[in-house]
Amino acid sequence: MVEGGIVRREAYQDRPTRYAYALTEAGLELVPVIGRV
């Protein structure tokens, strides 16, 4: 989903590397669609 532009990944810690994930604008546009499924 990161490569598809739906989710963005941001490193917030080194050693061990940890990532936070958040929806992009495109991902937010999908929320109503997913909610109907």
PDB file of N, CA and C in Angstrom:
ATOM      1  N   MET A   1       0.811  -1.189   0.000  1.00  0.00           N
ATOM      2  CA  MET A   1       0.000   0.000   0.000  1.00  0.00           C
ATOM      3  C   MET A   1       0.857   1.257   0.000  1.00  0.00           C
ATOM      4  N   VAL A   2       2.060   1.146   0.563  1.00  0.00           N
ATOM      5  CA  VAL A   2       2.974   2.289   0.530  1.00  0.00           C
ATOM      6  C   VAL A   2       3.347   2.589  -0.917  1.00  0.00           C
ATOM      7  N   GLU A   3       3.712   1.550  -1.651  1.00  0.00           N
ATOM      8  CA  GLU A   3       4.099   1.738  -3.052  1.00  0.00           C
ATOM      9  C   GLU A   3       2.932   2.219  -3.904  1.00  0.00           C
ATOM     10  N   GLY A   4       1.722   1.896  -3.506  1.00  0.00           N
ATOM     11  CA  GLY A   4       0.540   2.315  -4.245  1.00  0.00           C
ATOM     12  C   GLY A   4       0.070   3.717  -3.895  1.00  0.00           C
ATOM     13  N   GLY A   5       0.719   4.341  -2.910  1.00  0.00           N
ATOM     14  CA  GLY A   5       0.372   5.706  -2.548  1.00  0.00           C
ATOM     15  C   GLY A   5      -0.826   5.833  -1.621  1.00  0.00           C
ATOM     16  N   ILE A   6      -1.249   4.723  -1.023  1.00  0.00           N
ATOM     17  CA  ILE A   6      -2.403   4.739  -0.125  1.00  0.00           C
ATOM     18  C   ILE A   6      -1.962   5.053   1.306  1.00  0.00           C
ATOM     19  N   VAL A   7      -0.790   4.562   1.657  1.00  0.00           N
ATOM     20  CA  VAL A   7      -0.249   4.722   3.011  1.00  0.00           C
ATOM     21  C   VAL A   7       1.155   5.282   2.904  1.00  0.00           C
ATOM     22  N   ARG A   8       1.534   6.123   3.861  1.00  0.00           N
ATOM     23  CA  ARG A   8       2.915   6.608   3.897  1.00  0.00           C
ATOM     24  C   ARG A   8       3.589   6.030   5.138  1.00  0.00           C
ATOM     25  N   ARG A   9       4.871   5.775   5.020  1.00  0.00           N
ATOM     26  CA  ARG A   9       5.656   5.186   6.101  1.00  0.00           C
ATOM     27  C   ARG A   9       6.739   6.163   6.509  1.00  0.00           C
ATOM     28  N   GLU A  10       6.822   6.443   7.802  1.00  0.00           N
ATOM     29  CA  GLU A  10       7.834   7.362   8.317  1.00  0.00           C
ATOM     30  C   GLU A  10       8.576   6.700   9.469  1.00  0.00           C
ATOM     31  N   ALA A  11       9.893   6.698   9.386  1.00  0.00           N
ATOM     32  CA  ALA A  11      10.701   6.162  10.479  1.00  0.00           C
ATOM     33  C   ALA A  11      10.644   7.133  11.653  1.00  0.00           C
ATOM     34  N   TYR A  12      10.413   6.600  12.847  1.00  0.00           N
ATOM     35  CA  TYR A  12      10.384   7.458  14.024  1.00  0.00           C
ATOM     36  C   TYR A  12      11.392   7.032  15.079  1.00  0.00           C
ATOM     37  N   GLN A  13      12.112   5.933  14.817  1.00  0.00           N
ATOM     38  CA  GLN A  13      13.111   5.471  15.773  1.00  0.00           C
ATOM     39  C   GLN A  13      14.181   4.683  15.033  1.00  0.00           C
ATOM     40  N   ASP A  14      15.419   4.870  15.461  1.00  0.00           N
ATOM     41  CA  ASP A  14      16.534   4.069  14.949  1.00  0.00           C
ATOM     42  C   ASP A  14      16.915   3.040  16.003  1.00  0.00           C
ATOM     43  N   ARG A  15      17.429   1.952  15.550  1.00  0.00           N
ATOM     44  CA  ARG A  15      17.987   0.896  16.409  1.00  0.00           C
ATOM     45  C   ARG A  15      17.070   0.458  17.522  1.00  0.00           C
ATOM     46  N   PRO A  16      16.145  -0.341  17.329  1.00  0.00           N
ATOM     47  CA  PRO A  16      15.730  -0.867  16.031  1.00  0.00           C
ATOM     48  C   PRO A  16      14.894   0.168  15.282  1.00  0.00           C
ATOM     49  N   THR A  17      14.959   0.089  13.981  1.00  0.00           N
ATOM     50  CA  THR A  17      14.173   1.019  13.178  1.00  0.00           C
ATOM     51  C   THR A  17      12.697   0.681  13.336  1.00  0.00           C
ATOM     52  N   ARG A  18      11.928   1.694  13.654  1.00  0.00           N
ATOM     53  CA  ARG A  18      10.477   1.527  13.780  1.00  0.00           C
ATOM     54  C   ARG A  18       9.801   2.554  12.889  1.00  0.00           C
ATOM     55  N   TYR A  19       8.646   2.167  12.392  1.00  0.00           N
ATOM     56  CA  TYR A  19       7.944   3.016  11.442  1.00  0.00           C
ATOM     57  C   TYR A  19       6.529   3.311  11.921  1.00  0.00           C
ATOM     58  N   ALA A  20       6.064   4.487  11.587  1.00  0.00           N
ATOM     59  CA  ALA A  20       4.666   4.861  11.783  1.00  0.00           C
ATOM     60  C   ALA A  20       4.025   4.897  10.400  1.00  0.00           C
ATOM     61  N   TYR A  21       2.800   4.459  10.336  1.00  0.00           N
ATOM     62  CA  TYR A  21       2.070   4.439   9.072  1.00  0.00           C
ATOM     63  C   TYR A  21       0.859   5.347   9.182  1.00  0.00           C
ATOM     64  N   ALA A  22       0.565   6.059   8.104  1.00  0.00           N
ATOM     65  CA  ALA A  22      -0.595   6.952   8.075  1.00  0.00           C
ATOM     66  C   ALA A  22      -1.162   6.970   6.665  1.00  0.00           C
ATOM     67  N   LEU A  23      -2.449   7.208   6.579  1.00  0.00           N
ATOM     68  CA  LEU A  23      -3.091   7.301   5.272  1.00  0.00           C
ATOM     69  C   LEU A  23      -2.673   8.579   4.559  1.00  0.00           C
ATOM     70  N   THR A  24      -2.478   8.468   3.259  1.00  0.00           N
ATOM     71  CA  THR A  24      -2.239   9.644   2.426  1.00  0.00           C
ATOM     72  C   THR A  24      -3.600  10.223   2.049  1.00  0.00           C
ATOM     73  N   GLU A  25      -3.604  11.292   1.288  1.00  0.00           N
ATOM     74  CA  GLU A  25      -4.871  11.857   0.819  1.00  0.00           C
ATOM     75  C   GLU A  25      -5.647  10.834  -0.001  1.00  0.00           C
ATOM     76  N   ALA A  26      -4.937  10.095  -0.833  1.00  0.00           N
ATOM     77  CA  ALA A  26      -5.592   9.057  -1.635  1.00  0.00           C
ATOM     78  C   ALA A  26      -6.184   7.980  -0.732  1.00  0.00           C
ATOM     79  N   GLY A  27      -5.484   7.632   0.326  1.00  0.00           N
ATOM     80  CA  GLY A  27      -5.990   6.644   1.272  1.00  0.00           C
ATOM     81  C   GLY A  27      -7.226   7.134   1.998  1.00  0.00           C
ATOM     82  N   LEU A  28      -7.226   8.393   2.370  1.00  0.00           N
ATOM     83  CA  LEU A  28      -8.392   8.963   3.050  1.00  0.00           C
ATOM     84  C   LEU A  28      -9.622   8.965   2.149  1.00  0.00           C
ATOM     85  N   GLU A  29      -9.415   9.127   0.856  1.00  0.00           N
ATOM     86  CA  GLU A  29     -10.537   9.096  -0.083  1.00  0.00           C
ATOM     87  C   GLU A  29     -11.174   7.711  -0.159  1.00  0.00           C
ATOM     88  N   LEU A  30     -10.433   6.685   0.208  1.00  0.00           N
ATOM     89  CA  LEU A  30     -10.957   5.317   0.162  1.00  0.00           C
ATOM     90  C   LEU A  30     -11.745   4.927   1.411  1.00  0.00           C
ATOM     91  N   VAL A  31     -11.667   5.705   2.464  1.00  0.00           N
ATOM     92  CA  VAL A  31     -12.337   5.355   3.722  1.00  0.00           C
ATOM     93  C   VAL A  31     -13.837   5.104   3.525  1.00  0.00           C
ATOM     94  N   PRO A  32     -14.582   5.965   2.846  1.00  0.00           N
ATOM     95  CA  PRO A  32     -16.013   5.688   2.659  1.00  0.00           C
ATOM     96  C   PRO A  32     -16.272   4.410   1.854  1.00  0.00           C
ATOM     97  N   VAL A  33     -15.436   4.149   0.888  1.00  0.00           N
ATOM     98  CA  VAL A  33     -15.595   2.948   0.060  1.00  0.00           C
ATOM     99  C   VAL A  33     -15.362   1.701   0.900  1.00  0.00           C
ATOM    100  N   ILE A  34     -14.313   1.695   1.682  1.00  0.00           N
ATOM    101  CA  ILE A  34     -14.000   0.545   2.532  1.00  0.00           C
ATOM    102  C   ILE A  34     -15.078   0.367   3.597  1.00  0.00           C
ATOM    103  N   GLY A  35     -15.618   1.470   4.079  1.00  0.00           N
ATOM    104  CA  GLY A  35     -16.677   1.398   5.076  1.00  0.00           C
ATOM    105  C   GLY A  35     -17.939   0.721   4.572  1.00  0.00           C
ATOM    106  N   ARG A  36     -18.148   0.738   3.280  1.00  0.00           N
ATOM    107  CA  ARG A  36     -19.335   0.109   2.693  1.00  0.00           C
ATOM    108  C   ARG A  36     -19.151  -1.379   2.460  1.00  0.00           C
ATOM    109  N   VAL A  37     -17.933  -1.837   2.538  1.00  0.00           N
ATOM    110  CA  VAL A  37     -17.655  -3.257   2.246  1.00  0.00           C
ATOM    111  C   VAL A  37     -17.960  -4.104   3.414  1.00  0.00           C
TER     112      VAL A  37
END
